[in-house]
C-alpha cells in the first residue's frame, strides 16, 4: 500500500501509523507539486517586489520591522533555522519523528498555499521512503505553537546539517544525502 499526500488527499490516523511505524511508502501527488510551484512563484514575485512578508523577509517577534533584502532571504532562512534548533535531552522516538515528517509534508503540500519550494516536501518524502530519520531532541521549543525547535532540527537535516538515523546507526545528515545523490 502507498500513502498519498497532497492536493485533494486526506491523512487518517491509520495512514500516519502505517508510515511512521510500518514504513509504508509515501507518494506526493503531481497536483501538489504543480500547486507548490505556482505558490512559490507568487512568493518569489512578492519578495522581489519588496512586499514585506512576516517571517519570510522580515524579522520575527519584536524584530518584525526589520526587512531582509531579497538577495539575503535564503541566508536569513537558514540562520532562522539554526537559531531555532534549540532542543535538548533525549531524542524523540523514530515513529514520533516520522509521523511529524509525514504530517508536515502533507500540510505543506495541501493546495500549494505555503510558498515552500517543492523540493523541501519532496525531500521529506525521500527521507520517509529511504528510512532516513532526523534526530530531534524531545525538549525545548520556541514560540506559542511549541513546534519551532523540533521542526528546525528536522528542516536542517534536509540541508545536510544535524544528525540522522540511517541504516544501522547515526551519522551527520550530509552522509546519506551524498550517498543517495540527494545533495545538489
N, C-alpha and C. Protein backbone atom coordinates (compact mmCIF):
# COMPACT_ATOMS: atom_id res chain seq x y z
N UNK A 1 0.85 -1.18 0.00
CA UNK A 1 0.00 0.00 0.00
C UNK A 1 0.89 1.24 0.00
N UNK A 2 0.39 2.33 -0.54
CA UNK A 2 1.10 3.60 -0.60
C UNK A 2 0.22 4.68 -0.01
N UNK A 3 0.79 5.53 0.84
CA UNK A 3 0.06 6.67 1.38
C UNK A 3 0.31 7.85 0.46
N UNK A 4 -0.75 8.42 -0.05
CA UNK A 4 -0.64 9.56 -0.97
C UNK A 4 -0.91 10.84 -0.19
N UNK A 5 -0.11 11.86 -0.49
CA UNK A 5 -0.31 13.15 0.15
C UNK A 5 -0.39 14.23 -0.91
N UNK A 6 -1.02 15.33 -0.55
CA UNK A 6 -1.10 16.47 -1.44
C UNK A 6 -2.51 16.94 -1.66
N UNK A 7 -2.69 17.72 -2.72
CA UNK A 7 -3.97 18.34 -3.04
C UNK A 7 -5.05 17.27 -3.15
N UNK A 8 -6.17 17.51 -2.47
CA UNK A 8 -7.31 16.62 -2.56
C UNK A 8 -7.16 15.32 -1.79
N UNK A 9 -6.15 15.21 -0.94
CA UNK A 9 -5.97 13.99 -0.17
C UNK A 9 -6.18 14.29 1.31
N UNK A 10 -6.44 13.24 2.06
CA UNK A 10 -6.64 13.35 3.49
C UNK A 10 -5.77 12.31 4.18
N UNK A 11 -5.22 12.67 5.30
CA UNK A 11 -4.46 11.71 6.10
C UNK A 11 -5.35 11.22 7.23
N UNK A 12 -5.37 9.93 7.41
CA UNK A 12 -6.08 9.36 8.55
C UNK A 12 -5.05 8.97 9.60
N UNK A 13 -5.52 8.70 10.79
CA UNK A 13 -4.64 8.21 11.84
C UNK A 13 -3.98 6.91 11.39
N UNK A 14 -4.73 6.08 10.69
CA UNK A 14 -4.19 4.82 10.19
C UNK A 14 -3.06 5.06 9.19
N UNK A 15 -3.20 6.09 8.33
CA UNK A 15 -2.13 6.44 7.38
C UNK A 15 -0.85 6.81 8.14
N UNK A 16 -1.02 7.64 9.15
CA UNK A 16 0.13 8.10 9.93
C UNK A 16 0.82 6.91 10.61
N UNK A 17 0.04 6.01 11.15
CA UNK A 17 0.62 4.83 11.81
C UNK A 17 1.34 3.95 10.80
N UNK A 18 0.73 3.73 9.63
CA UNK A 18 1.36 2.87 8.62
C UNK A 18 2.70 3.43 8.16
N UNK A 19 2.78 4.75 8.02
CA UNK A 19 4.03 5.36 7.57
C UNK A 19 5.03 5.46 8.71
N UNK A 20 4.58 5.90 9.87
CA UNK A 20 5.52 6.16 10.97
C UNK A 20 6.05 4.89 11.62
N UNK A 21 5.23 3.86 11.70
CA UNK A 21 5.65 2.63 12.39
C UNK A 21 5.95 1.48 11.44
N UNK A 22 5.25 1.42 10.32
CA UNK A 22 5.41 0.28 9.42
C UNK A 22 6.18 0.62 8.15
N UNK A 23 6.65 1.87 8.04
CA UNK A 23 7.49 2.31 6.93
C UNK A 23 6.82 2.17 5.57
N UNK A 24 5.50 2.40 5.55
CA UNK A 24 4.79 2.38 4.27
C UNK A 24 5.32 3.49 3.37
N UNK A 25 5.36 3.23 2.09
CA UNK A 25 5.84 4.22 1.11
C UNK A 25 4.89 5.40 1.03
N UNK A 26 5.46 6.58 0.77
CA UNK A 26 4.69 7.81 0.63
C UNK A 26 4.86 8.33 -0.79
N UNK A 27 3.79 8.81 -1.38
CA UNK A 27 3.85 9.38 -2.72
C UNK A 27 3.20 10.76 -2.70
N UNK A 28 3.88 11.72 -3.30
CA UNK A 28 3.39 13.09 -3.41
C UNK A 28 2.67 13.24 -4.74
N UNK A 29 1.47 13.81 -4.72
CA UNK A 29 0.70 13.93 -5.95
C UNK A 29 1.29 14.98 -6.88
N UNK A 30 1.11 14.76 -8.18
CA UNK A 30 1.56 15.74 -9.18
C UNK A 30 0.81 17.05 -9.02
N UNK A 31 -0.46 16.98 -8.63
CA UNK A 31 -1.24 18.20 -8.40
C UNK A 31 -0.60 19.04 -7.30
N UNK A 32 -0.11 18.36 -6.25
CA UNK A 32 0.56 19.07 -5.15
C UNK A 32 1.84 19.73 -5.64
N UNK A 33 2.63 19.01 -6.43
CA UNK A 33 3.87 19.59 -6.97
C UNK A 33 3.57 20.83 -7.79
N UNK A 34 2.58 20.74 -8.67
CA UNK A 34 2.22 21.88 -9.51
C UNK A 34 1.71 23.05 -8.67
N UNK A 35 0.89 22.76 -7.67
CA UNK A 35 0.36 23.82 -6.80
C UNK A 35 1.47 24.50 -6.02
N UNK A 36 2.43 23.70 -5.52
CA UNK A 36 3.55 24.29 -4.77
C UNK A 36 4.41 25.16 -5.68
N UNK A 37 4.63 24.73 -6.92
CA UNK A 37 5.43 25.53 -7.86
C UNK A 37 4.73 26.87 -8.14
N UNK A 38 3.42 26.84 -8.35
CA UNK A 38 2.68 28.09 -8.58
C UNK A 38 2.76 29.01 -7.37
N UNK A 39 2.58 28.43 -6.19
CA UNK A 39 2.61 29.21 -4.95
C UNK A 39 4.00 29.81 -4.74
N UNK A 40 5.02 29.04 -5.00
CA UNK A 40 6.40 29.53 -4.81
C UNK A 40 6.69 30.69 -5.76
N UNK A 41 6.21 30.58 -6.99
CA UNK A 41 6.42 31.64 -7.97
C UNK A 41 5.81 32.96 -7.48
N UNK A 42 4.60 32.87 -6.93
CA UNK A 42 3.93 34.07 -6.38
C UNK A 42 4.75 34.64 -5.23
N UNK A 43 5.21 33.78 -4.32
CA UNK A 43 6.01 34.24 -3.18
C UNK A 43 7.28 34.93 -3.65
N UNK A 44 7.98 34.35 -4.61
CA UNK A 44 9.21 34.95 -5.10
C UNK A 44 8.95 36.30 -5.76
N UNK A 45 7.84 36.42 -6.48
CA UNK A 45 7.48 37.70 -7.09
C UNK A 45 7.24 38.75 -6.01
N UNK A 46 6.57 38.37 -4.93
CA UNK A 46 6.32 39.30 -3.83
C UNK A 46 7.63 39.71 -3.15
N UNK A 47 8.52 38.74 -2.92
CA UNK A 47 9.81 39.05 -2.29
C UNK A 47 10.60 40.02 -3.16
N UNK A 48 10.69 39.72 -4.46
CA UNK A 48 11.47 40.58 -5.36
C UNK A 48 10.77 41.90 -5.64
N UNK A 49 9.47 41.96 -5.34
CA UNK A 49 8.73 43.22 -5.45
C UNK A 49 8.79 44.03 -4.17
N UNK A 50 9.63 43.57 -3.21
CA UNK A 50 9.82 44.23 -1.92
C UNK A 50 8.54 44.35 -1.10
N UNK A 51 7.65 43.37 -1.25
CA UNK A 51 6.47 43.29 -0.40
C UNK A 51 6.91 42.62 0.90
N UNK A 52 6.61 43.26 2.02
CA UNK A 52 7.01 42.73 3.32
C UNK A 52 6.11 41.55 3.71
N UNK A 53 6.73 40.41 4.02
CA UNK A 53 6.01 39.20 4.42
C UNK A 53 6.62 38.73 5.72
N UNK A 54 5.83 38.76 6.78
CA UNK A 54 6.31 38.43 8.11
C UNK A 54 7.00 37.07 8.13
N UNK A 55 8.22 37.05 8.65
CA UNK A 55 8.97 35.82 8.81
C UNK A 55 9.62 35.30 7.54
N UNK A 56 9.27 35.87 6.41
CA UNK A 56 9.90 35.47 5.15
C UNK A 56 11.00 36.47 4.81
N UNK A 57 10.63 37.75 4.77
CA UNK A 57 11.63 38.78 4.53
C UNK A 57 11.58 39.88 5.60
N UNK A 58 11.03 39.50 6.76
CA UNK A 58 11.09 40.38 7.93
C UNK A 58 11.57 39.56 9.11
N UNK A 59 12.00 40.26 10.15
CA UNK A 59 12.35 39.58 11.37
C UNK A 59 11.10 39.04 12.04
N UNK A 60 11.32 38.30 13.12
CA UNK A 60 10.21 37.71 13.87
C UNK A 60 10.04 38.44 15.20
N UNK A 61 8.84 38.35 15.76
CA UNK A 61 8.59 38.96 17.06
C UNK A 61 8.84 40.45 17.05
N UNK A 62 9.62 40.92 18.04
CA UNK A 62 9.92 42.34 18.14
C UNK A 62 10.73 42.87 16.95
N UNK A 63 11.31 41.97 16.18
CA UNK A 63 12.11 42.38 15.01
C UNK A 63 11.28 42.39 13.72
N UNK A 64 9.95 42.40 13.87
CA UNK A 64 9.08 42.37 12.69
C UNK A 64 9.31 43.55 11.75
N UNK A 65 9.82 44.67 12.27
CA UNK A 65 10.02 45.85 11.42
C UNK A 65 11.33 45.81 10.64
N UNK A 66 12.19 44.83 10.93
CA UNK A 66 13.45 44.67 10.20
C UNK A 66 13.16 43.94 8.89
N UNK A 67 13.57 44.54 7.78
CA UNK A 67 13.34 43.94 6.47
C UNK A 67 14.63 43.34 5.93
N UNK A 68 14.52 42.16 5.33
CA UNK A 68 15.66 41.45 4.74
C UNK A 68 15.65 41.72 3.24
N UNK A 69 16.80 42.06 2.68
CA UNK A 69 16.91 42.28 1.24
C UNK A 69 16.60 40.99 0.49
N UNK A 70 15.98 41.08 -0.70
CA UNK A 70 15.62 39.87 -1.45
C UNK A 70 16.79 38.91 -1.66
N UNK A 71 17.98 39.44 -1.90
CA UNK A 71 19.14 38.56 -2.15
C UNK A 71 19.64 37.87 -0.87
N UNK A 72 19.15 38.31 0.30
CA UNK A 72 19.57 37.71 1.57
C UNK A 72 18.52 36.80 2.21
N UNK A 73 17.37 36.62 1.55
CA UNK A 73 16.28 35.84 2.14
C UNK A 73 16.70 34.40 2.40
N UNK A 74 17.39 33.75 1.46
CA UNK A 74 17.81 32.35 1.66
C UNK A 74 18.76 32.24 2.85
N UNK A 75 19.72 33.16 2.93
CA UNK A 75 20.67 33.15 4.05
C UNK A 75 19.92 33.38 5.37
N UNK A 76 18.99 34.31 5.37
CA UNK A 76 18.19 34.60 6.56
C UNK A 76 17.39 33.37 6.99
N UNK A 77 16.81 32.67 6.02
CA UNK A 77 16.02 31.48 6.34
C UNK A 77 16.87 30.42 7.02
N UNK A 78 18.07 30.20 6.52
CA UNK A 78 18.98 29.22 7.13
C UNK A 78 19.36 29.67 8.54
N UNK A 79 19.68 30.95 8.71
CA UNK A 79 20.03 31.46 10.03
C UNK A 79 18.87 31.30 11.01
N UNK A 80 17.64 31.50 10.54
CA UNK A 80 16.47 31.35 11.40
C UNK A 80 16.33 29.89 11.84
N UNK A 81 16.57 28.95 10.93
CA UNK A 81 16.52 27.53 11.31
C UNK A 81 17.57 27.21 12.36
N UNK A 82 18.78 27.69 12.14
CA UNK A 82 19.86 27.43 13.10
C UNK A 82 19.52 28.04 14.46
N UNK A 83 19.02 29.27 14.45
CA UNK A 83 18.66 29.95 15.70
C UNK A 83 17.57 29.21 16.47
N UNK A 84 16.67 28.54 15.78
CA UNK A 84 15.55 27.87 16.43
C UNK A 84 15.81 26.40 16.75
N UNK A 85 16.95 25.86 16.34
CA UNK A 85 17.24 24.45 16.64
C UNK A 85 17.86 24.37 18.03
N UNK A 86 17.01 24.55 19.02
CA UNK A 86 17.46 24.69 20.41
C UNK A 86 16.99 23.55 21.31
N UNK A 87 16.65 22.41 20.74
CA UNK A 87 16.16 21.30 21.53
C UNK A 87 17.25 20.68 22.38
N UNK A 88 16.83 20.02 23.46
CA UNK A 88 17.76 19.35 24.38
C UNK A 88 17.16 18.02 24.81
N UNK A 89 17.98 17.22 25.47
CA UNK A 89 17.51 15.96 26.05
C UNK A 89 17.59 14.80 25.09
N UNK A 90 16.96 13.71 25.48
CA UNK A 90 16.93 12.51 24.66
C UNK A 90 16.24 12.82 23.34
N UNK A 91 16.53 11.98 22.36
CA UNK A 91 15.89 12.15 21.06
C UNK A 91 14.50 11.53 21.07
N UNK A 92 13.61 12.14 20.31
CA UNK A 92 12.25 11.63 20.17
C UNK A 92 12.30 10.27 19.47
N UNK A 93 11.37 9.39 19.80
CA UNK A 93 11.31 8.08 19.14
C UNK A 93 11.12 8.24 17.62
N UNK A 94 11.65 7.28 16.88
CA UNK A 94 11.57 7.33 15.42
C UNK A 94 10.15 7.51 14.91
N UNK A 95 9.18 6.79 15.50
CA UNK A 95 7.82 6.90 14.98
C UNK A 95 7.23 8.29 15.22
N UNK A 96 7.62 8.96 16.29
CA UNK A 96 7.17 10.34 16.50
C UNK A 96 7.72 11.24 15.40
N UNK A 97 9.01 11.07 15.12
CA UNK A 97 9.68 11.91 14.11
C UNK A 97 9.08 11.63 12.73
N UNK A 98 8.90 10.37 12.39
CA UNK A 98 8.35 10.01 11.09
C UNK A 98 6.91 10.52 10.95
N UNK A 99 6.13 10.45 12.01
CA UNK A 99 4.77 10.99 11.97
C UNK A 99 4.82 12.51 11.74
N UNK A 100 5.73 13.18 12.41
CA UNK A 100 5.89 14.62 12.24
C UNK A 100 6.28 14.95 10.80
N UNK A 101 7.20 14.19 10.24
CA UNK A 101 7.64 14.42 8.86
C UNK A 101 6.47 14.26 7.89
N UNK A 102 5.70 13.19 8.06
CA UNK A 102 4.57 12.93 7.17
C UNK A 102 3.52 14.04 7.28
N UNK A 103 3.16 14.38 8.50
CA UNK A 103 2.13 15.41 8.69
C UNK A 103 2.60 16.75 8.14
N UNK A 104 3.86 17.09 8.38
CA UNK A 104 4.38 18.36 7.87
C UNK A 104 4.42 18.36 6.34
N UNK A 105 4.87 17.27 5.73
CA UNK A 105 4.90 17.18 4.26
C UNK A 105 3.49 17.32 3.70
N UNK A 106 2.55 16.64 4.33
CA UNK A 106 1.16 16.70 3.88
C UNK A 106 0.61 18.13 4.00
N UNK A 107 0.84 18.73 5.15
CA UNK A 107 0.32 20.08 5.39
C UNK A 107 0.92 21.09 4.41
N UNK A 108 2.21 20.99 4.14
CA UNK A 108 2.86 21.92 3.23
C UNK A 108 2.42 21.72 1.78
N UNK A 109 1.96 20.52 1.45
CA UNK A 109 1.59 20.22 0.07
C UNK A 109 0.12 20.51 -0.25
N UNK A 110 -0.68 20.77 0.75
CA UNK A 110 -2.11 20.99 0.52
C UNK A 110 -2.36 22.31 -0.19
N UNK A 111 -2.89 22.23 -1.37
CA UNK A 111 -3.28 23.43 -2.11
C UNK A 111 -2.14 24.33 -2.53
N UNK A 112 -0.94 24.03 -2.12
CA UNK A 112 0.19 24.86 -2.51
C UNK A 112 0.14 26.24 -1.91
N UNK A 113 -0.38 26.39 -0.70
CA UNK A 113 -0.53 27.71 -0.10
C UNK A 113 0.68 28.18 0.69
N UNK A 114 1.62 27.31 0.95
CA UNK A 114 2.71 27.65 1.86
C UNK A 114 3.79 28.50 1.22
N UNK A 115 3.93 28.45 -0.08
CA UNK A 115 5.02 29.17 -0.75
C UNK A 115 6.34 28.43 -0.66
N UNK A 116 6.32 27.23 -0.12
CA UNK A 116 7.55 26.46 0.05
C UNK A 116 8.01 25.92 -1.30
N UNK A 117 9.32 25.75 -1.43
CA UNK A 117 9.83 25.11 -2.64
C UNK A 117 9.42 23.63 -2.60
N UNK A 118 8.99 23.11 -3.71
CA UNK A 118 8.53 21.72 -3.74
C UNK A 118 9.63 20.74 -3.35
N UNK A 119 10.89 21.09 -3.57
CA UNK A 119 12.00 20.20 -3.22
C UNK A 119 12.01 19.89 -1.73
N UNK A 120 11.54 20.80 -0.91
CA UNK A 120 11.52 20.57 0.54
C UNK A 120 10.57 19.42 0.87
N UNK A 121 9.39 19.45 0.29
CA UNK A 121 8.41 18.39 0.55
C UNK A 121 8.88 17.09 -0.11
N UNK A 122 9.44 17.20 -1.31
CA UNK A 122 9.98 16.00 -1.97
C UNK A 122 11.06 15.35 -1.12
N UNK A 123 11.91 16.17 -0.51
CA UNK A 123 12.98 15.62 0.33
C UNK A 123 12.42 14.95 1.58
N UNK A 124 11.37 15.53 2.19
CA UNK A 124 10.72 14.87 3.33
C UNK A 124 10.19 13.49 2.92
N UNK A 125 9.58 13.43 1.74
CA UNK A 125 9.08 12.16 1.23
C UNK A 125 10.24 11.20 0.98
N UNK A 126 11.34 11.70 0.39
CA UNK A 126 12.53 10.86 0.18
C UNK A 126 13.02 10.29 1.51
N UNK A 127 13.12 11.15 2.51
CA UNK A 127 13.59 10.69 3.83
C UNK A 127 12.68 9.59 4.36
N UNK A 128 11.38 9.78 4.27
CA UNK A 128 10.45 8.76 4.75
C UNK A 128 10.64 7.45 4.00
N UNK A 129 10.70 7.54 2.67
CA UNK A 129 10.80 6.33 1.87
C UNK A 129 12.17 5.65 1.97
N UNK A 130 13.22 6.40 2.25
CA UNK A 130 14.56 5.83 2.36
C UNK A 130 14.94 5.53 3.80
N UNK A 131 13.98 5.75 4.70
CA UNK A 131 14.17 5.45 6.12
C UNK A 131 15.32 6.26 6.75
N UNK A 132 15.39 7.51 6.36
CA UNK A 132 16.33 8.46 6.97
C UNK A 132 15.52 9.23 8.01
N UNK A 133 15.89 9.11 9.27
CA UNK A 133 15.11 9.71 10.34
C UNK A 133 15.94 10.76 11.07
N UNK A 134 15.55 12.03 10.99
CA UNK A 134 16.27 13.06 11.73
C UNK A 134 16.28 12.80 13.23
N UNK A 135 17.38 13.15 13.87
CA UNK A 135 17.46 13.09 15.33
C UNK A 135 16.95 14.42 15.87
N UNK A 136 15.83 14.37 16.56
CA UNK A 136 15.19 15.57 17.07
C UNK A 136 15.06 15.46 18.59
N UNK A 137 15.70 16.38 19.32
CA UNK A 137 15.57 16.34 20.78
C UNK A 137 14.11 16.50 21.20
N UNK A 138 13.75 15.83 22.29
CA UNK A 138 12.37 15.85 22.78
C UNK A 138 11.96 17.19 23.37
N UNK A 139 12.91 17.91 23.96
CA UNK A 139 12.54 19.08 24.76
C UNK A 139 13.13 20.36 24.21
N UNK A 140 12.37 21.43 24.42
CA UNK A 140 12.84 22.76 24.07
C UNK A 140 12.15 23.25 22.83
N UNK A 141 11.43 24.33 22.95
CA UNK A 141 10.80 24.91 21.79
C UNK A 141 10.69 26.41 21.97
N UNK A 142 10.26 27.05 20.92
CA UNK A 142 10.20 28.50 20.86
C UNK A 142 8.82 28.89 20.35
N UNK A 143 8.24 29.90 20.92
CA UNK A 143 7.01 30.44 20.39
C UNK A 143 5.76 29.78 20.94
N UNK A 144 4.64 30.38 20.61
CA UNK A 144 3.35 29.94 21.13
C UNK A 144 2.95 28.57 20.59
N UNK A 145 3.38 28.24 19.38
CA UNK A 145 2.94 26.98 18.78
C UNK A 145 3.70 25.79 19.36
N UNK A 146 4.87 26.01 19.92
CA UNK A 146 5.62 24.95 20.56
C UNK A 146 6.28 23.96 19.64
N UNK A 147 6.27 24.22 18.33
CA UNK A 147 6.86 23.25 17.41
C UNK A 147 8.05 23.79 16.64
N UNK A 148 8.47 25.01 16.89
CA UNK A 148 9.54 25.59 16.09
C UNK A 148 10.88 24.89 16.27
N UNK A 149 11.26 24.56 17.48
CA UNK A 149 12.56 23.91 17.69
C UNK A 149 12.60 22.53 17.04
N UNK A 150 11.61 21.65 17.29
CA UNK A 150 11.67 20.35 16.63
C UNK A 150 11.66 20.45 15.11
N UNK A 151 10.85 21.34 14.57
CA UNK A 151 10.78 21.48 13.12
C UNK A 151 12.07 22.07 12.56
N UNK A 152 12.73 22.94 13.30
CA UNK A 152 14.02 23.48 12.86
C UNK A 152 15.05 22.36 12.78
N UNK A 153 15.09 21.50 13.79
CA UNK A 153 16.01 20.36 13.77
C UNK A 153 15.73 19.48 12.55
N UNK A 154 14.45 19.22 12.28
CA UNK A 154 14.08 18.39 11.14
C UNK A 154 14.49 19.05 9.83
N UNK A 155 14.19 20.33 9.68
CA UNK A 155 14.49 21.04 8.44
C UNK A 155 15.98 21.10 8.16
N UNK A 156 16.78 21.29 9.18
CA UNK A 156 18.23 21.37 8.98
C UNK A 156 18.79 20.08 8.39
N UNK A 157 18.21 18.93 8.76
CA UNK A 157 18.72 17.67 8.20
C UNK A 157 18.47 17.58 6.70
N UNK A 158 17.41 18.22 6.23
CA UNK A 158 17.13 18.23 4.79
C UNK A 158 18.21 18.99 4.03
N UNK A 159 18.92 19.86 4.74
CA UNK A 159 20.01 20.65 4.16
C UNK A 159 21.38 20.03 4.42
N UNK A 160 21.38 18.84 5.02
CA UNK A 160 22.65 18.17 5.29
C UNK A 160 23.29 18.58 6.60
N UNK A 161 22.55 19.28 7.43
CA UNK A 161 23.07 19.72 8.73
C UNK A 161 22.37 18.90 9.82
N UNK A 162 23.01 18.75 10.95
CA UNK A 162 22.42 17.96 12.01
C UNK A 162 22.71 16.48 11.82
N UNK A 163 21.94 15.67 12.53
CA UNK A 163 22.20 14.23 12.55
C UNK A 163 20.94 13.44 12.24
N UNK A 164 21.13 12.26 11.67
CA UNK A 164 20.02 11.38 11.32
C UNK A 164 20.35 9.95 11.70
N UNK A 165 19.30 9.14 11.79
CA UNK A 165 19.47 7.69 11.86
C UNK A 165 19.32 7.18 10.44
N UNK A 166 20.25 6.35 10.04
CA UNK A 166 20.18 5.77 8.70
C UNK A 166 20.84 4.40 8.74
N UNK A 167 20.16 3.44 8.22
CA UNK A 167 20.59 2.05 8.25
C UNK A 167 20.85 1.64 9.70
N UNK A 168 22.04 1.24 10.04
CA UNK A 168 22.27 0.67 11.37
C UNK A 168 22.72 1.68 12.42
N UNK A 169 22.83 2.96 12.08
CA UNK A 169 23.36 3.87 13.09
C UNK A 169 23.02 5.32 12.83
N UNK A 170 23.72 6.17 13.57
CA UNK A 170 23.54 7.61 13.48
C UNK A 170 24.73 8.22 12.74
N UNK A 171 24.47 9.28 12.01
CA UNK A 171 25.54 9.95 11.29
C UNK A 171 25.13 11.39 10.99
N UNK A 172 26.07 12.17 10.53
CA UNK A 172 25.75 13.52 10.07
C UNK A 172 24.79 13.40 8.90
N UNK A 173 23.83 14.29 8.82
CA UNK A 173 22.80 14.22 7.79
C UNK A 173 23.37 14.27 6.38
N UNK A 174 24.49 14.93 6.22
CA UNK A 174 25.09 15.08 4.89
C UNK A 174 25.51 13.74 4.30
N UNK A 175 25.92 12.79 5.14
CA UNK A 175 26.41 11.50 4.64
C UNK A 175 25.40 10.76 3.78
N UNK A 176 24.22 10.41 4.32
CA UNK A 176 23.27 9.70 3.45
C UNK A 176 22.77 10.53 2.28
N UNK A 177 22.69 11.84 2.47
CA UNK A 177 22.27 12.70 1.35
C UNK A 177 23.25 12.59 0.20
N UNK A 178 24.55 12.58 0.51
CA UNK A 178 25.56 12.44 -0.53
C UNK A 178 25.54 11.03 -1.11
N UNK A 179 25.47 10.01 -0.27
CA UNK A 179 25.45 8.62 -0.75
C UNK A 179 24.31 8.39 -1.72
N UNK A 180 23.17 8.97 -1.41
CA UNK A 180 21.97 8.74 -2.21
C UNK A 180 21.81 9.75 -3.35
N UNK A 181 22.77 10.66 -3.48
CA UNK A 181 22.71 11.65 -4.56
C UNK A 181 21.62 12.68 -4.38
N UNK A 182 21.28 12.99 -3.12
CA UNK A 182 20.21 13.93 -2.85
C UNK A 182 20.70 15.36 -2.62
N UNK A 183 21.99 15.57 -2.55
CA UNK A 183 22.52 16.92 -2.37
C UNK A 183 22.91 17.47 -3.73
N UNK A 184 22.53 18.71 -3.95
CA UNK A 184 22.90 19.33 -5.23
C UNK A 184 23.70 20.58 -5.01
